[in-house]
Amino acid sequence: MRESVDRPAARRIVWSDLEADHPMPLLERRRMHGDRMTVARIQLRKGFRIDPHAHDEEQITVVLSGKLQFLVGDPGSQTEVIVGADELLHLPANVPHGAEALEETIVLDLFSPPAKATGIDRVGR
């Protein structure tokens, strides 16, 4: 006989039902925080730029549409990485990175552990 385990119920969430914020110009973000990860849907206008930064969270950026140019690594030894639609970039924790939207772009950013504040919040203020 199986023991009953109390688990949180699954939730269906509609992006447009989540509150949008605009922590930087040319950016609109909606986020959902889970127990072990954060996922953010971010719309970037062409020309959006975030300066190099690093954070304790592991990050996976999934480009749904558009194109981003990332600079990854320490100053003086940065690597340029272009990520387009249907591609993703894995950024381990504490890896310096910055980005520029080369065109109108929609991304999903996944952070683990959950991130109440990300590079956008730290750099944008």
PDB file of N, CA and C in Angstrom:
ATOM      1  N   MET A   1       0.839  -1.184   0.000  1.00  0.00           N
ATOM      2  CA  MET A   1       0.000   0.000   0.000  1.00  0.00           C
ATOM      3  C   MET A   1       0.882   1.245   0.000  1.00  0.00           C
ATOM      4  N   ARG A   2       0.545   2.177  -0.830  1.00  0.00           N
ATOM      5  CA  ARG A   2       1.305   3.428  -0.954  1.00  0.00           C
ATOM      6  C   ARG A   2       0.932   4.412   0.131  1.00  0.00           C
ATOM      7  N   GLU A   3       1.963   5.035   0.697  1.00  0.00           N
ATOM      8  CA  GLU A   3       1.738   6.067   1.704  1.00  0.00           C
ATOM      9  C   GLU A   3       1.357   7.371   1.029  1.00  0.00           C
ATOM     10  N   SER A   4       0.450   8.088   1.609  1.00  0.00           N
ATOM     11  CA  SER A   4       0.060   9.395   1.082  1.00  0.00           C
ATOM     12  C   SER A   4       1.137  10.417   1.436  1.00  0.00           C
ATOM     13  N   VAL A   5       1.541  11.205   0.444  1.00  0.00           N
ATOM     14  CA  VAL A   5       2.556  12.227   0.648  1.00  0.00           C
ATOM     15  C   VAL A   5       1.928  13.582   0.336  1.00  0.00           C
ATOM     16  N   ASP A   6       2.087  14.526   1.266  1.00  0.00           N
ATOM     17  CA  ASP A   6       1.581  15.878   1.009  1.00  0.00           C
ATOM     18  C   ASP A   6       2.522  16.584   0.051  1.00  0.00           C
ATOM     19  N   ARG A   7       1.997  16.941  -1.089  1.00  0.00           N
ATOM     20  CA  ARG A   7       2.769  17.663  -2.103  1.00  0.00           C
ATOM     21  C   ARG A   7       1.990  18.884  -2.518  1.00  0.00           C
ATOM     22  N   PRO A   8       2.717  19.927  -2.887  1.00  0.00           N
ATOM     23  CA  PRO A   8       1.993  21.083  -3.432  1.00  0.00           C
ATOM     24  C   PRO A   8       1.280  20.679  -4.715  1.00  0.00           C
ATOM     25  N   ALA A   9       0.161  21.294  -4.956  1.00  0.00           N
ATOM     26  CA  ALA A   9      -0.592  21.017  -6.173  1.00  0.00           C
ATOM     27  C   ALA A   9       0.103  21.659  -7.371  1.00  0.00           C
ATOM     28  N   ALA A  10      -0.042  21.015  -8.511  1.00  0.00           N
ATOM     29  CA  ALA A  10       0.461  21.611  -9.752  1.00  0.00           C
ATOM     30  C   ALA A  10      -0.363  22.868 -10.038  1.00  0.00           C
ATOM     31  N   ARG A  11       0.292  23.869 -10.660  1.00  0.00           N
ATOM     32  CA  ARG A  11      -0.401  25.119 -10.986  1.00  0.00           C
ATOM     33  C   ARG A  11      -0.215  25.438 -12.456  1.00  0.00           C
ATOM     34  N   ARG A  12      -1.286  25.817 -13.102  1.00  0.00           N
ATOM     35  CA  ARG A  12      -1.222  26.331 -14.472  1.00  0.00           C
ATOM     36  C   ARG A  12      -1.168  27.844 -14.358  1.00  0.00           C
ATOM     37  N   ILE A  13      -0.192  28.447 -15.029  1.00  0.00           N
ATOM     38  CA  ILE A  13      -0.004  29.892 -14.948  1.00  0.00           C
ATOM     39  C   ILE A  13       0.010  30.452 -16.363  1.00  0.00           C
ATOM     40  N   VAL A  14      -0.696  31.542 -16.556  1.00  0.00           N
ATOM     41  CA  VAL A  14      -0.730  32.232 -17.845  1.00  0.00           C
ATOM     42  C   VAL A  14       0.178  33.455 -17.729  1.00  0.00           C
ATOM     43  N   TRP A  15       1.155  33.568 -18.645  1.00  0.00           N
ATOM     44  CA  TRP A  15       2.124  34.666 -18.564  1.00  0.00           C
ATOM     45  C   TRP A  15       1.434  36.018 -18.408  1.00  0.00           C
ATOM     46  N   SER A  16       0.389  36.264 -19.189  1.00  0.00           N
ATOM     47  CA  SER A  16      -0.254  37.583 -19.161  1.00  0.00           C
ATOM     48  C   SER A  16      -0.960  37.866 -17.836  1.00  0.00           C
ATOM     49  N   ASP A  17      -1.180  36.838 -17.016  1.00  0.00           N
ATOM     50  CA  ASP A  17      -1.775  37.045 -15.691  1.00  0.00           C
ATOM     51  C   ASP A  17      -0.742  37.487 -14.660  1.00  0.00           C
ATOM     52  N   LEU A  18       0.537  37.306 -14.963  1.00  0.00           N
ATOM     53  CA  LEU A  18       1.591  37.700 -14.034  1.00  0.00           C
ATOM     54  C   LEU A  18       1.900  39.185 -14.198  1.00  0.00           C
ATOM     55  N   GLU A  19       2.216  39.830 -13.094  1.00  0.00           N
ATOM     56  CA  GLU A  19       2.539  41.260 -13.134  1.00  0.00           C
ATOM     57  C   GLU A  19       3.826  41.496 -13.919  1.00  0.00           C
ATOM     58  N   ALA A  20       3.797  42.500 -14.777  1.00  0.00           N
ATOM     59  CA  ALA A  20       4.989  42.869 -15.551  1.00  0.00           C
ATOM     60  C   ALA A  20       5.745  43.956 -14.805  1.00  0.00           C
ATOM     61  N   ASP A  21       7.072  43.900 -14.904  1.00  0.00           N
ATOM     62  CA  ASP A  21       7.876  45.002 -14.391  1.00  0.00           C
ATOM     63  C   ASP A  21       8.852  45.440 -15.470  1.00  0.00           C
ATOM     64  N   HIS A  22       9.445  46.608 -15.257  1.00  0.00           N
ATOM     65  CA  HIS A  22      10.348  47.225 -16.231  1.00  0.00           C
ATOM     66  C   HIS A  22      11.578  47.745 -15.489  1.00  0.00           C
ATOM     67  N   PRO A  23      12.453  46.835 -15.010  1.00  0.00           N
ATOM     68  CA  PRO A  23      13.592  47.282 -14.205  1.00  0.00           C
ATOM     69  C   PRO A  23      14.657  48.048 -14.987  1.00  0.00           C
ATOM     70  N   MET A  24      14.594  47.998 -16.304  1.00  0.00           N
ATOM     71  CA  MET A  24      15.534  48.734 -17.163  1.00  0.00           C
ATOM     72  C   MET A  24      14.776  49.204 -18.400  1.00  0.00           C
ATOM     73  N   PRO A  25      15.267  50.262 -19.045  1.00  0.00           N
ATOM     74  CA  PRO A  25      14.639  50.682 -20.308  1.00  0.00           C
ATOM     75  C   PRO A  25      14.726  49.566 -21.356  1.00  0.00           C
ATOM     76  N   LEU A  26      13.749  49.532 -22.245  1.00  0.00           N
ATOM     77  CA  LEU A  26      13.700  48.605 -23.381  1.00  0.00           C
ATOM     78  C   LEU A  26      13.469  47.155 -22.964  1.00  0.00           C
ATOM     79  N   LEU A  27      12.891  46.942 -21.763  1.00  0.00           N
ATOM     80  CA  LEU A  27      12.719  45.595 -21.233  1.00  0.00           C
ATOM     81  C   LEU A  27      11.387  45.494 -20.504  1.00  0.00           C
ATOM     82  N   GLU A  28      10.668  44.396 -20.748  1.00  0.00           N
ATOM     83  CA  GLU A  28       9.488  44.052 -19.951  1.00  0.00           C
ATOM     84  C   GLU A  28       9.657  42.622 -19.478  1.00  0.00           C
ATOM     85  N   ARG A  29       9.400  42.386 -18.177  1.00  0.00           N
ATOM     86  CA  ARG A  29       9.653  41.064 -17.594  1.00  0.00           C
ATOM     87  C   ARG A  29       8.450  40.618 -16.765  1.00  0.00           C
ATOM     88  N   ARG A  30       8.172  39.323 -16.861  1.00  0.00           N
ATOM     89  CA  ARG A  30       7.179  38.663 -15.998  1.00  0.00           C
ATOM     90  C   ARG A  30       7.879  37.447 -15.402  1.00  0.00           C
ATOM     91  N   ARG A  31       7.691  37.234 -14.092  1.00  0.00           N
ATOM     92  CA  ARG A  31       8.417  36.151 -13.416  1.00  0.00           C
ATOM     93  C   ARG A  31       7.495  35.269 -12.591  1.00  0.00           C
ATOM     94  N   MET A  32       7.929  34.017 -12.447  1.00  0.00           N
ATOM     95  CA  MET A  32       7.298  33.071 -11.553  1.00  0.00           C
ATOM     96  C   MET A  32       8.402  32.449 -10.715  1.00  0.00           C
ATOM     97  N   HIS A  33       8.238  32.494  -9.390  1.00  0.00           N
ATOM     98  CA  HIS A  33       9.219  31.923  -8.476  1.00  0.00           C
ATOM     99  C   HIS A  33       8.685  30.608  -7.930  1.00  0.00           C
ATOM    100  N   GLY A  34       9.447  29.533  -8.158  1.00  0.00           N
ATOM    101  CA  GLY A  34       9.116  28.246  -7.565  1.00  0.00           C
ATOM    102  C   GLY A  34       9.970  28.011  -6.335  1.00  0.00           C
ATOM    103  N   ASP A  35       9.872  26.827  -5.780  1.00  0.00           N
ATOM    104  CA  ASP A  35      10.667  26.484  -4.600  1.00  0.00           C
ATOM    105  C   ASP A  35      12.146  26.327  -4.940  1.00  0.00           C
ATOM    106  N   ARG A  36      12.439  25.874  -6.157  1.00  0.00           N
ATOM    107  CA  ARG A  36      13.827  25.570  -6.511  1.00  0.00           C
ATOM    108  C   ARG A  36      14.331  26.292  -7.751  1.00  0.00           C
ATOM    109  N   MET A  37      13.471  27.096  -8.365  1.00  0.00           N
ATOM    110  CA  MET A  37      13.920  27.852  -9.528  1.00  0.00           C
ATOM    111  C   MET A  37      13.010  29.040  -9.773  1.00  0.00           C
ATOM    112  N   THR A  38      13.544  29.970 -10.544  1.00  0.00           N
ATOM    113  CA  THR A  38      12.779  31.123 -11.029  1.00  0.00           C
ATOM    114  C   THR A  38      12.793  31.064 -12.544  1.00  0.00           C
ATOM    115  N   VAL A  39      11.650  31.355 -13.153  1.00  0.00           N
ATOM    116  CA  VAL A  39      11.600  31.481 -14.607  1.00  0.00           C
ATOM    117  C   VAL A  39      11.043  32.864 -14.922  1.00  0.00           C
ATOM    118  N   ALA A  40      11.687  33.531 -15.883  1.00  0.00           N
ATOM    119  CA  ALA A  40      11.269  34.871 -16.288  1.00  0.00           C
ATOM    120  C   ALA A  40      11.086  34.897 -17.798  1.00  0.00           C
ATOM    121  N   ARG A  41       9.976  35.500 -18.236  1.00  0.00           N
ATOM    122  CA  ARG A  41       9.754  35.741 -19.663  1.00  0.00           C
ATOM    123  C   ARG A  41      10.053  37.213 -19.883  1.00  0.00           C
ATOM    124  N   ILE A  42      11.031  37.481 -20.748  1.00  0.00           N
ATOM    125  CA  ILE A  42      11.523  38.842 -20.912  1.00  0.00           C
ATOM    126  C   ILE A  42      11.424  39.248 -22.380  1.00  0.00           C
ATOM    127  N   GLN A  43      10.807  40.408 -22.610  1.00  0.00           N
ATOM    128  CA  GLN A  43      10.755  40.998 -23.944  1.00  0.00           C
ATOM    129  C   GLN A  43      11.792  42.112 -23.986  1.00  0.00           C
ATOM    130  N   LEU A  44      12.681  42.031 -24.957  1.00  0.00           N
ATOM    131  CA  LEU A  44      13.757  43.006 -25.109  1.00  0.00           C
ATOM    132  C   LEU A  44      13.582  43.744 -26.429  1.00  0.00           C
ATOM    133  N   ARG A  45      13.679  45.040 -26.388  1.00  0.00           N
ATOM    134  CA  ARG A  45      13.659  45.837 -27.612  1.00  0.00           C
ATOM    135  C   ARG A  45      15.068  45.860 -28.213  1.00  0.00           C
ATOM    136  N   LYS A  46      15.129  46.009 -29.517  1.00  0.00           N
ATOM    137  CA  LYS A  46      16.418  46.111 -30.185  1.00  0.00           C
ATOM    138  C   LYS A  46      17.237  47.219 -29.527  1.00  0.00           C
ATOM    139  N   GLY A  47      18.498  46.926 -29.245  1.00  0.00           N
ATOM    140  CA  GLY A  47      19.377  47.898 -28.618  1.00  0.00           C
ATOM    141  C   GLY A  47      19.463  47.780 -27.105  1.00  0.00           C
ATOM    142  N   PHE A  48      18.568  46.970 -26.490  1.00  0.00           N
ATOM    143  CA  PHE A  48      18.684  46.760 -25.040  1.00  0.00           C
ATOM    144  C   PHE A  48      20.085  46.236 -24.734  1.00  0.00           C
ATOM    145  N   ARG A  49      20.657  46.744 -23.667  1.00  0.00           N
ATOM    146  CA  ARG A  49      22.011  46.329 -23.296  1.00  0.00           C
ATOM    147  C   ARG A  49      22.103  46.207 -21.777  1.00  0.00           C
ATOM    148  N   ILE A  50      22.733  45.126 -21.331  1.00  0.00           N
ATOM    149  CA  ILE A  50      23.029  44.969 -19.909  1.00  0.00           C
ATOM    150  C   ILE A  50      24.534  44.768 -19.768  1.00  0.00           C
ATOM    151  N   ASP A  51      25.126  45.571 -18.904  1.00  0.00           N
ATOM    152  CA  ASP A  51      26.577  45.503 -18.689  1.00  0.00           C
ATOM    153  C   ASP A  51      26.973  44.179 -18.042  1.00  0.00           C
ATOM    154  N   PRO A  52      28.238  43.804 -18.191  1.00  0.00           N
ATOM    155  CA  PRO A  52      28.703  42.552 -17.575  1.00  0.00           C
ATOM    156  C   PRO A  52      28.438  42.545 -16.068  1.00  0.00           C
ATOM    157  N   HIS A  53      27.997  41.392 -15.602  1.00  0.00           N
ATOM    158  CA  HIS A  53      27.699  41.171 -14.196  1.00  0.00           C
ATOM    159  C   HIS A  53      27.800  39.669 -13.935  1.00  0.00           C
ATOM    160  N   ALA A  54      27.736  39.265 -12.701  1.00  0.00           N
ATOM    161  CA  ALA A  54      27.738  37.851 -12.327  1.00  0.00           C
ATOM    162  C   ALA A  54      26.815  37.691 -11.135  1.00  0.00           C
ATOM    163  N   HIS A  55      26.305  36.478 -10.930  1.00  0.00           N
ATOM    164  CA  HIS A  55      25.433  36.200  -9.791  1.00  0.00           C
ATOM    165  C   HIS A  55      25.619  34.760  -9.349  1.00  0.00           C
ATOM    166  N   ASP A  56      25.176  34.498  -8.126  1.00  0.00           N
ATOM    167  CA  ASP A  56      25.359  33.174  -7.522  1.00  0.00           C
ATOM    168  C   ASP A  56      24.502  32.097  -8.163  1.00  0.00           C
ATOM    169  N   GLU A  57      23.458  32.494  -8.899  1.00  0.00           N
ATOM    170  CA  GLU A  57      22.544  31.517  -9.484  1.00  0.00           C
ATOM    171  C   GLU A  57      23.060  31.007 -10.828  1.00  0.00           C
ATOM    172  N   GLU A  58      22.849  29.739 -11.089  1.00  0.00           N
ATOM    173  CA  GLU A  58      23.039  29.188 -12.424  1.00  0.00           C
ATOM    174  C   GLU A  58      21.920  29.761 -13.299  1.00  0.00           C
ATOM    175  N   GLN A  59      22.217  30.057 -14.556  1.00  0.00           N
ATOM    176  CA  GLN A  59      21.225  30.662 -15.457  1.00  0.00           C
ATOM    177  C   GLN A  59      21.220  29.923 -16.787  1.00  0.00           C
ATOM    178  N   ILE A  60      20.030  29.671 -17.279  1.00  0.00           N
ATOM    179  CA  ILE A  60      19.854  29.169 -18.638  1.00  0.00           C
ATOM    180  C   ILE A  60      18.963  30.168 -19.350  1.00  0.00           C
ATOM    181  N   THR A  61      19.446  30.699 -20.467  1.00  0.00           N
ATOM    182  CA  THR A  61      18.673  31.642 -21.270  1.00  0.00           C
ATOM    183  C   THR A  61      18.222  30.920 -22.537  1.00  0.00           C
ATOM    184  N   VAL A  62      16.919  30.878 -22.748  1.00  0.00           N
ATOM    185  CA  VAL A  62      16.318  30.257 -23.927  1.00  0.00           C
ATOM    186  C   VAL A  62      15.777  31.379 -24.798  1.00  0.00           C
ATOM    187  N   VAL A  63      16.286  31.511 -26.001  1.00  0.00           N
ATOM    188  CA  VAL A  63      15.802  32.552 -26.917  1.00  0.00           C
ATOM    189  C   VAL A  63      14.634  31.969 -27.716  1.00  0.00           C
ATOM    190  N   LEU A  64      13.456  32.539 -27.494  1.00  0.00           N
ATOM    191  CA  LEU A  64      12.261  32.081 -28.208  1.00  0.00           C
ATOM    192  C   LEU A  64      12.148  32.734 -29.580  1.00  0.00           C
ATOM    193  N   SER A  65      12.524  34.016 -29.646  1.00  0.00           N
ATOM    194  CA  SER A  65      12.544  34.728 -30.926  1.00  0.00           C
ATOM    195  C   SER A  65      13.567  35.846 -30.811  1.00  0.00           C
ATOM    196  N   GLY A  66      14.117  36.247 -31.950  1.00  0.00           N
ATOM    197  CA  GLY A  66      15.108  37.315 -31.952  1.00  0.00           C
ATOM    198  C   GLY A  66      16.524  36.799 -31.829  1.00  0.00           C
ATOM    199  N   LYS A  67      17.426  37.703 -31.390  1.00  0.00           N
ATOM    200  CA  LYS A  67      18.846  37.353 -31.335  1.00  0.00           C
ATOM    201  C   LYS A  67      19.539  38.206 -30.283  1.00  0.00           C
ATOM    202  N   LEU A  68      20.359  37.556 -29.445  1.00  0.00           N
ATOM    203  CA  LEU A  68      21.150  38.233 -28.417  1.00  0.00           C
ATOM    204  C   LEU A  68      22.630  38.014 -28.664  1.00  0.00           C
ATOM    205  N   GLN A  69      23.400  39.040 -28.397  1.00  0.00           N
ATOM    206  CA  GLN A  69      24.859  38.937 -28.411  1.00  0.00           C
ATOM    207  C   GLN A  69      25.320  38.984 -26.953  1.00  0.00           C
ATOM    208  N   PHE A  70      25.955  37.912 -26.499  1.00  0.00           N
ATOM    209  CA  PHE A  70      26.491  37.855 -25.141  1.00  0.00           C
ATOM    210  C   PHE A  70      27.991  38.066 -25.181  1.00  0.00           C
ATOM    211  N   LEU A  71      28.514  38.707 -24.155  1.00  0.00           N
ATOM    212  CA  LEU A  71      29.947  38.726 -23.866  1.00  0.00           C
ATOM    213  C   LEU A  71      30.102  37.949 -22.566  1.00  0.00           C
ATOM    214  N   VAL A  72      30.841  36.843 -22.627  1.00  0.00           N
ATOM    215  CA  VAL A  72      30.940  35.928 -21.491  1.00  0.00           C
ATOM    216  C   VAL A  72      32.390  35.825 -21.053  1.00  0.00           C
ATOM    217  N   GLY A  73      32.616  35.924 -19.756  1.00  0.00           N
ATOM    218  CA  GLY A  73      33.957  35.763 -19.205  1.00  0.00           C
ATOM    219  C   GLY A  73      34.461  37.033 -18.554  1.00  0.00           C
ATOM    220  N   ASP A  74      35.649  36.927 -17.995  1.00  0.00           N
ATOM    221  CA  ASP A  74      36.266  38.049 -17.309  1.00  0.00           C
ATOM    222  C   ASP A  74      36.713  39.118 -18.302  1.00  0.00           C
ATOM    223  N   PRO A  75      36.714  40.397 -17.872  1.00  0.00           N
ATOM    224  CA  PRO A  75      37.201  41.464 -18.758  1.00  0.00           C
ATOM    225  C   PRO A  75      38.598  41.126 -19.277  1.00  0.00           C
ATOM    226  N   GLY A  76      38.815  41.388 -20.556  1.00  0.00           N
ATOM    227  CA  GLY A  76      40.098  41.081 -21.176  1.00  0.00           C
ATOM    228  C   GLY A  76      40.169  39.697 -21.794  1.00  0.00           C
ATOM    229  N   SER A  77      39.249  38.817 -21.388  1.00  0.00           N
ATOM    230  CA  SER A  77      39.235  37.470 -21.972  1.00  0.00           C
ATOM    231  C   SER A  77      37.804  37.034 -22.286  1.00  0.00           C
ATOM    232  N   GLN A  78      36.968  38.011 -22.657  1.00  0.00           N
ATOM    233  CA  GLN A  78      35.571  37.721 -22.953  1.00  0.00           C
ATOM    234  C   GLN A  78      35.422  37.029 -24.302  1.00  0.00           C
ATOM    235  N   THR A  79      34.419  36.173 -24.379  1.00  0.00           N
ATOM    236  CA  THR A  79      34.058  35.493 -25.612  1.00  0.00           C
ATOM    237  C   THR A  79      32.696  35.993 -26.057  1.00  0.00           C
ATOM    238  N   GLU A  80      32.574  36.319 -27.344  1.00  0.00           N
ATOM    239  CA  GLU A  80      31.282  36.727 -27.904  1.00  0.00           C
ATOM    240  C   GLU A  80      30.504  35.482 -28.294  1.00  0.00           C
ATOM    241  N   VAL A  81      29.241  35.424 -27.862  1.00  0.00           N
ATOM    242  CA  VAL A  81      28.360  34.305 -28.195  1.00  0.00           C
ATOM    243  C   VAL A  81      27.052  34.889 -28.703  1.00  0.00           C
ATOM    244  N   ILE A  82      26.673  34.539 -29.938  1.00  0.00           N
ATOM    245  CA  ILE A  82      25.396  34.970 -30.508  1.00  0.00           C
ATOM    246  C   ILE A  82      24.412  33.828 -30.305  1.00  0.00           C
ATOM    247  N   VAL A  83      23.248  34.154 -29.719  1.00  0.00           N
ATOM    248  CA  VAL A  83      22.222  33.148 -29.442  1.00  0.00           C
ATOM    249  C   VAL A  83      20.938  33.610 -30.118  1.00  0.00           C
ATOM    250  N   GLY A  84      20.411  32.754 -31.001  1.00  0.00           N
ATOM    251  CA  GLY A  84      19.206  33.090 -31.749  1.00  0.00           C
ATOM    252  C   GLY A  84      18.032  32.214 -31.366  1.00  0.00           C
ATOM    253  N   ALA A  85      16.935  32.386 -32.110  1.00  0.00           N
ATOM    254  CA  ALA A  85      15.700  31.647 -31.851  1.00  0.00           C
ATOM    255  C   ALA A  85      15.957  30.144 -31.817  1.00  0.00           C
ATOM    256  N   ASP A  86      15.323  29.486 -30.861  1.00  0.00           N
ATOM    257  CA  ASP A  86      15.431  28.039 -30.660  1.00  0.00           C
ATOM    258  C   ASP A  86      16.817  27.602 -30.188  1.00  0.00           C
ATOM    259  N   GLU A  87      17.580  28.541 -29.626  1.00  0.00           N
ATOM    260  CA  GLU A  87      18.886  28.221 -29.048  1.00  0.00           C
ATOM    261  C   GLU A  87      18.880  28.643 -27.589  1.00  0.00           C
ATOM    262  N   LEU A  88      19.826  28.101 -26.851  1.00  0.00           N
ATOM    263  CA  LEU A  88      19.933  28.486 -25.449  1.00  0.00           C
ATOM    264  C   LEU A  88      21.386  28.608 -25.055  1.00  0.00           C
ATOM    265  N   LEU A  89      21.597  29.335 -23.950  1.00  0.00           N
ATOM    266  CA  LEU A  89      22.933  29.540 -23.402  1.00  0.00           C
ATOM    267  C   LEU A  89      22.906  29.153 -21.936  1.00  0.00           C
ATOM    268  N   HIS A  90      23.831  28.296 -21.536  1.00  0.00           N
ATOM    269  CA  HIS A  90      23.967  27.900 -20.132  1.00  0.00           C
ATOM    270  C   HIS A  90      25.079  28.727 -19.502  1.00  0.00           C
ATOM    271  N   LEU A  91      24.763  29.421 -18.414  1.00  0.00           N
ATOM    272  CA  LEU A  91      25.733  30.231 -17.685  1.00  0.00           C
ATOM    273  C   LEU A  91      25.864  29.659 -16.272  1.00  0.00           C
ATOM    274  N   PRO A  92      26.968  28.986 -15.972  1.00  0.00           N
ATOM    275  CA  PRO A  92      27.158  28.496 -14.606  1.00  0.00           C
ATOM    276  C   PRO A  92      27.190  29.658 -13.618  1.00  0.00           C
ATOM    277  N   ALA A  93      26.981  29.372 -12.366  1.00  0.00           N
ATOM    278  CA  ALA A  93      26.997  30.395 -11.321  1.00  0.00           C
ATOM    279  C   ALA A  93      28.308  31.172 -11.359  1.00  0.00           C
ATOM    280  N   ASN A  94      28.207  32.474 -11.136  1.00  0.00           N
ATOM    281  CA  ASN A  94      29.348  33.390 -10.997  1.00  0.00           C
ATOM    282  C   ASN A  94      30.178  33.605 -12.259  1.00  0.00           C
ATOM    283  N   VAL A  95      29.661  33.228 -13.427  1.00  0.00           N
ATOM    284  CA  VAL A  95      30.348  33.505 -14.690  1.00  0.00           C
ATOM    285  C   VAL A  95      29.934  34.905 -15.160  1.00  0.00           C
ATOM    286  N   PRO A  96      30.883  35.826 -15.318  1.00  0.00           N
ATOM    287  CA  PRO A  96      30.533  37.169 -15.778  1.00  0.00           C
ATOM    288  C   PRO A  96      29.929  37.126 -17.192  1.00  0.00           C
ATOM    289  N   HIS A  97      28.891  37.927 -17.392  1.00  0.00           N
ATOM    290  CA  HIS A  97      28.247  37.982 -18.702  1.00  0.00           C
ATOM    291  C   HIS A  97      27.465  39.284 -18.843  1.00  0.00           C
ATOM    292  N   GLY A  98      27.374  39.745 -20.070  1.00  0.00           N
ATOM    293  CA  GLY A  98      26.553  40.892 -20.429  1.00  0.00           C
ATOM    294  C   GLY A  98      25.899  40.556 -21.758  1.00  0.00           C
ATOM    295  N   ALA A  99      24.912  41.356 -22.174  1.00  0.00           N
ATOM    296  CA  ALA A  99      24.211  41.026 -23.413  1.00  0.00           C
ATOM    297  C   ALA A  99      23.648  42.273 -24.070  1.00  0.00           C
ATOM    298  N   GLU A 100      23.421  42.132 -25.389  1.00  0.00           N
ATOM    299  CA  GLU A 100      22.754  43.172 -26.177  1.00  0.00           C
ATOM    300  C   GLU A 100      21.756  42.504 -27.104  1.00  0.00           C
ATOM    301  N   ALA A 101      20.545  43.064 -27.194  1.00  0.00           N
ATOM    302  CA  ALA A 101      19.530  42.564 -28.117  1.00  0.00           C
ATOM    303  C   ALA A 101      19.830  43.120 -29.507  1.00  0.00           C
ATOM    304  N   LEU A 102      20.141  42.244 -30.440  1.00  0.00           N
ATOM    305  CA  LEU A 102      20.454  42.663 -31.807  1.00  0.00           C
ATOM    306  C   LEU A 102      19.193  42.944 -32.615  1.00  0.00           C
ATOM    307  N   GLU A 103      18.068  42.455 -32.098  1.00  0.00           N
ATOM    308  CA  GLU A 103      16.757  42.695 -32.696  1.00  0.00           C
ATOM    309  C   GLU A 103      15.714  42.497 -31.597  1.00  0.00           C
ATOM    310  N   GLU A 104      14.457  42.753 -31.913  1.00  0.00           N
ATOM    311  CA  GLU A 104      13.400  42.487 -30.927  1.00  0.00           C
ATOM    312  C   GLU A 104      13.531  41.026 -30.511  1.00  0.00           C
ATOM    313  N   THR A 105      13.551  40.761 -29.197  1.00  0.00           N
ATOM    314  CA  THR A 105      13.880  39.425 -28.712  1.00  0.00           C
ATOM    315  C   THR A 105      12.981  39.055 -27.539  1.00  0.00           C
ATOM    316  N   ILE A 106      12.564  37.798 -27.492  1.00  0.00           N
ATOM    317  CA  ILE A 106      11.844  37.250 -26.338  1.00  0.00           C
ATOM    318  C   ILE A 106      12.651  36.072 -25.817  1.00  0.00           C
ATOM    319  N   VAL A 107      12.934  36.101 -24.513  1.00  0.00           N
ATOM    320  CA  VAL A 107      13.709  35.024 -23.894  1.00  0.00           C
ATOM    321  C   VAL A 107      12.987  34.497 -22.663  1.00  0.00           C
ATOM    322  N   LEU A 108      13.315  33.263 -22.329  1.00  0.00           N
ATOM    323  CA  LEU A 108      13.000  32.704 -21.020  1.00  0.00           C
ATOM    324  C   LEU A 108      14.324  32.583 -20.294  1.00  0.00           C
ATOM    325  N   ASP A 109      14.414  33.179 -19.110  1.00  0.00           N
ATOM    326  CA  ASP A 109      15.581  33.018 -18.254  1.00  0.00           C
ATOM    327  C   ASP A 109      15.180  32.129 -17.087  1.00  0.00           C
ATOM    328  N   LEU A 110      15.952  31.078 -16.875  1.00  0.00           N
ATOM    329  CA  LEU A 110      15.716  30.163 -15.762  1.00  0.00           C
ATOM    330  C   LEU A 110      16.891  30.277 -14.796  1.00  0.00           C
ATOM    331  N   PHE A 111      16.575  30.438 -13.517  1.00  0.00           N
ATOM    332  CA  PHE A 111      17.591  30.602 -12.487  1.00  0.00           C
ATOM    333  C   PHE A 111      17.391  29.553 -11.404  1.00  0.00           C
ATOM    334  N   SER A 112      18.500  28.953 -10.979  1.00  0.00           N
ATOM    335  CA  SER A 112      18.462  28.026  -9.861  1.00  0.00           C
ATOM    336  C   SER A 112      19.711  28.239  -9.021  1.00  0.00           C
ATOM    337  N   PRO A 113      19.539  28.380  -7.706  1.00  0.00           N
ATOM    338  CA  PRO A 113      18.272  28.435  -6.971  1.00  0.00           C
ATOM    339  C   PRO A 113      17.468  29.678  -7.356  1.00  0.00           C
ATOM    340  N   PRO A 114      16.228  29.786  -6.845  1.00  0.00           N
ATOM    341  CA  PRO A 114      15.385  30.927  -7.192  1.00  0.00           C
ATOM    342  C   PRO A 114      16.092  32.249  -6.953  1.00  0.00           C
ATOM    343  N   ALA A 115      15.811  33.206  -7.815  1.00  0.00           N
ATOM    344  CA  ALA A 115      16.468  34.509  -7.747  1.00  0.00           C
ATOM    345  C   ALA A 115      15.423  35.609  -7.635  1.00  0.00           C
ATOM    346  N   LYS A 116      15.331  36.239  -6.492  1.00  0.00           N
ATOM    347  CA  LYS A 116      14.414  37.380  -6.337  1.00  0.00           C
ATOM    348  C   LYS A 116      14.974  38.596  -7.070  1.00  0.00           C
ATOM    349  N   ALA A 117      16.307  38.719  -7.092  1.00  0.00           N
ATOM    350  CA  ALA A 117      16.972  39.800  -7.824  1.00  0.00           C
ATOM    351  C   ALA A 117      18.004  39.169  -8.745  1.00  0.00           C
ATOM    352  N   THR A 118      18.042  39.629  -9.993  1.00  0.00           N
ATOM    353  CA  THR A 118      18.998  39.106 -10.969  1.00  0.00           C
ATOM    354  C   THR A 118      19.918  40.238 -11.410  1.00  0.00           C
ATOM    355  N   GLY A 119      20.764  39.961 -12.370  1.00  0.00           N
ATOM    356  CA  GLY A 119      21.664  40.982 -12.882  1.00  0.00           C
ATOM    357  C   GLY A 119      20.915  42.190 -13.399  1.00  0.00           C
ATOM    358  N   ILE A 120      19.754  41.979 -14.003  1.00  0.00           N
ATOM    359  CA  ILE A 120      18.940  43.087 -14.500  1.00  0.00           C
ATOM    360  C   ILE A 120      18.573  44.026 -13.358  1.00  0.00           C
ATOM    361  N   ASP A 121      18.238  43.455 -12.204  1.00  0.00           N
ATOM    362  CA  ASP A 121      17.858  44.278 -11.052  1.00  0.00           C
ATOM    363  C   ASP A 121      19.065  45.007 -10.459  1.00  0.00           C
ATOM    364  N   ARG A 122      20.198  44.344 -10.415  1.00  0.00           N
ATOM    365  CA  ARG A 122      21.391  44.930  -9.801  1.00  0.00           C
ATOM    366  C   ARG A 122      22.020  46.000 -10.691  1.00  0.00           C
ATOM    367  N   VAL A 123      22.111  45.708 -11.991  1.00  0.00           N
ATOM    368  CA  VAL A 123      22.750  46.627 -12.923  1.00  0.00           C
ATOM    369  C   VAL A 123      21.821  47.767 -13.284  1.00  0.00           C
ATOM    370  N   GLY A 124      20.520  47.488 -13.351  1.00  0.00           N
ATOM    371  CA  GLY A 124      19.552  48.471 -13.828  1.00  0.00           C
ATOM    372  C   GLY A 124      19.215  49.573 -12.851  1.00  0.00           C
ATOM    373  N   ARG A 125      19.687  49.502 -11.651  1.00  0.00           N
ATOM    374  CA  ARG A 125      19.304  50.513 -10.646  1.00  0.00           C
ATOM    375  C   ARG A 125      20.463  51.399 -10.307  1.00  0.00           C
TER     376      ARG A 125
END
